[in-house]
Amino acid sequence: MDYHGNQISFKMDAMQEMKLKSNDATEYLLKHRIQDLFNNLTAQLIYTRPDNPKAFLIEALENLQKARVKKVNYPCLFDESNIRSVFGMLDPTGRGFVTLKQYHEAMITLGAREFDLTPHGADMDQINLETFTREALRGLSNSSATFCNV
């Protein structure tokens, strides 16, 4: 093979190696939920707008670490009152329930992970406030736990 052929081969090998490294990096970030962590921290930062953002981020990471050890109180932007408000917006006439479709869309919009796709009341297409709140809190807790035990 001539010089030009070797140069092309070298470029292709380098590109393949870069692609493998990129795939490896992406896999690593997904496995450790790094993007979720940064998204969560950024959302908290923008929502609270603290005077000292660096100290706030350090405290948020410390709280996340404590939550990981205790497996409770994961930092989350939404509390029960926020979830009840979302339910109220979906049920403006006060029927006391939302449809299964509204429930699914709300869980996704809130950023809930691993919520029950067919919760109590799904068979009648009527998800009540108690079920809605329980599933949202559970799903948000899973979403806010931006770490994995590896």
Protein backbone atom coordinates (compact mmCIF):
# COMPACT_ATOMS: atom_id res chain seq x y z
CA MET A 1 0.00 0.00 0.00
CA ASP A 2 1.32 3.45 -0.83
CA TYR A 3 1.65 6.42 1.52
CA HIS A 4 -1.79 7.77 0.58
CA GLY A 5 -3.45 4.42 1.33
CA ASN A 6 -1.74 4.22 4.74
CA GLN A 7 -2.90 7.74 5.55
CA ILE A 8 -6.52 6.85 4.75
CA SER A 9 -6.29 3.66 6.80
CA PHE A 10 -4.83 5.59 9.74
CA LYS A 11 -7.65 8.17 9.55
CA MET A 12 -10.29 5.42 9.50
CA ASP A 13 -8.69 3.66 12.48
CA ALA A 14 -8.56 6.95 14.38
CA MET A 15 -12.22 7.66 13.58
CA GLN A 16 -13.27 4.19 14.73
CA GLU A 17 -11.31 4.61 17.95
CA MET A 18 -12.92 8.00 18.57
CA LYS A 19 -16.38 6.51 17.98
CA LEU A 20 -15.65 3.68 20.44
CA LYS A 21 -14.46 6.18 23.05
CA SER A 22 -17.54 8.33 22.46
CA ASN A 23 -19.84 5.32 22.84
CA ASP A 24 -17.97 4.28 26.00
CA ALA A 25 -18.33 7.79 27.44
CA THR A 26 -22.04 7.89 26.61
CA GLU A 27 -22.57 4.49 28.22
CA TYR A 28 -20.73 5.65 31.33
CA LEU A 29 -22.84 8.83 31.60
CA LEU A 30 -26.06 6.86 31.17
CA LYS A 31 -25.06 4.15 33.64
CA HIS A 32 -24.28 6.69 36.35
CA ARG A 33 -27.18 9.04 35.43
CA ILE A 34 -24.82 12.01 35.17
CA GLN A 35 -27.09 13.89 32.75
CA ASP A 36 -30.03 13.38 35.12
CA LEU A 37 -27.92 14.66 38.00
CA PHE A 38 -26.94 17.83 36.15
CA ASN A 39 -30.49 18.39 34.91
CA ASN A 40 -31.80 18.00 38.47
CA LEU A 41 -29.17 20.35 39.92
CA THR A 42 -29.72 22.93 37.20
CA ALA A 43 -33.50 22.86 37.71
CA GLN A 44 -33.09 23.30 41.46
CA LEU A 45 -30.65 26.15 40.90
CA ILE A 46 -32.93 28.00 38.48
CA TYR A 47 -36.01 27.41 40.63
CA THR A 48 -34.47 28.70 43.88
CA ARG A 49 -31.98 31.23 42.44
CA PRO A 50 -29.78 31.32 45.55
CA ASP A 51 -27.41 34.22 46.24
CA ASN A 52 -24.51 31.78 46.45
CA PRO A 53 -25.05 29.18 43.72
CA LYS A 54 -21.84 27.26 44.43
CA ALA A 55 -22.69 26.81 48.11
CA PHE A 56 -26.22 25.84 47.08
CA LEU A 57 -24.91 23.16 44.69
CA ILE A 58 -22.55 21.78 47.34
CA GLU A 59 -25.46 21.57 49.79
CA ALA A 60 -27.68 19.93 47.16
CA LEU A 61 -25.01 17.29 46.48
CA GLU A 62 -24.56 16.69 50.21
CA ASN A 63 -28.33 16.28 50.60
CA LEU A 64 -28.38 13.86 47.71
CA GLN A 65 -25.59 11.86 49.30
CA LYS A 66 -27.47 11.74 52.64
CA ALA A 67 -30.62 10.65 50.81
CA ARG A 68 -28.66 7.90 49.10
CA VAL A 69 -27.46 6.52 52.43
CA LYS A 70 -30.86 6.81 54.13
CA LYS A 71 -32.85 6.00 50.96
CA VAL A 72 -35.32 8.82 51.78
CA ASN A 73 -35.92 12.52 51.20
CA TYR A 74 -34.50 12.75 47.71
CA PRO A 75 -34.24 16.40 46.68
CA CYS A 76 -37.20 17.28 44.48
CA LEU A 77 -38.67 20.50 43.13
CA PHE A 78 -42.24 19.30 43.62
CA ASP A 79 -43.83 18.65 46.97
CA GLU A 80 -47.27 17.28 47.75
CA SER A 81 -48.93 20.70 47.54
CA ASN A 82 -47.53 21.21 44.02
CA ILE A 83 -48.81 17.80 42.96
CA ARG A 84 -52.26 18.56 44.39
CA SER A 85 -52.25 21.82 42.43
CA VAL A 86 -51.46 19.94 39.21
CA PHE A 87 -54.33 17.57 39.96
CA GLY A 88 -56.62 20.56 40.56
CA MET A 89 -55.67 22.05 37.20
CA LEU A 90 -56.52 18.75 35.52
CA ASP A 91 -59.82 18.55 37.43
CA PRO A 92 -61.13 22.13 37.27
CA THR A 93 -64.76 21.10 37.83
CA GLY A 94 -63.90 19.20 41.03
CA ARG A 95 -65.11 15.78 39.93
CA GLY A 96 -62.48 14.21 42.18
CA PHE A 97 -60.70 12.29 39.45
CA VAL A 98 -58.70 12.65 36.25
CA THR A 99 -58.64 10.36 33.25
CA LEU A 100 -55.94 7.76 32.75
CA LYS A 101 -54.64 9.77 29.79
CA GLN A 102 -54.43 12.95 31.92
CA TYR A 103 -52.65 10.95 34.63
CA HIS A 104 -50.05 9.57 32.18
CA GLU A 105 -49.42 12.98 30.62
CA ALA A 106 -49.08 14.62 34.06
CA MET A 107 -46.58 12.01 35.27
CA ILE A 108 -44.46 12.51 32.16
CA THR A 109 -44.72 16.30 32.37
CA LEU A 110 -43.73 16.26 36.05
CA GLY A 111 -40.73 14.10 35.18
CA ALA A 112 -41.89 11.13 37.25
CA ARG A 113 -40.09 7.87 36.59
CA GLU A 114 -41.37 4.36 37.09
CA PHE A 115 -44.95 5.26 37.92
CA ASP A 116 -47.75 2.70 37.77
CA LEU A 117 -49.15 2.66 34.22
CA THR A 118 -52.42 1.11 35.39
CA PRO A 119 -53.02 2.50 38.89
CA HIS A 120 -56.11 2.01 41.02
CA GLY A 121 -59.05 3.44 39.07
CA ALA A 122 -57.51 2.88 35.64
CA ASP A 123 -60.16 0.29 34.77
CA MET A 124 -62.86 2.98 35.19
CA ASP A 125 -60.67 5.75 33.65
CA GLN A 126 -60.90 7.63 36.96
CA ILE A 127 -57.67 8.27 38.87
CA ASN A 128 -58.39 9.95 42.20
CA LEU A 129 -56.26 12.52 44.02
CA GLU A 130 -54.83 10.01 46.50
CA THR A 131 -53.61 7.67 43.78
CA PHE A 132 -52.37 10.55 41.63
CA THR A 133 -50.40 12.05 44.52
CA ARG A 134 -48.93 8.73 45.69
CA GLU A 135 -47.74 7.79 42.20
CA ALA A 136 -46.37 11.26 41.46
CA LEU A 137 -44.40 11.33 44.72
CA ARG A 138 -43.05 7.84 44.10
CA GLY A 139 -42.16 8.60 40.49
CA LEU A 140 -40.54 11.91 41.38
CA SER A 141 -38.58 10.28 44.17
CA ASN A 142 -37.18 7.77 41.69
CA SER A 143 -36.43 10.56 39.25
CA SER A 144 -34.72 12.70 41.89
CA ALA A 145 -32.53 9.84 43.07
CA THR A 146 -29.95 10.68 40.43
CA PHE A 147 -27.52 8.00 41.40
CA CYS A 148 -27.31 4.28 41.06
CA ASN A 149 -25.81 1.69 43.31
CA VAL A 150 -22.95 0.21 41.31
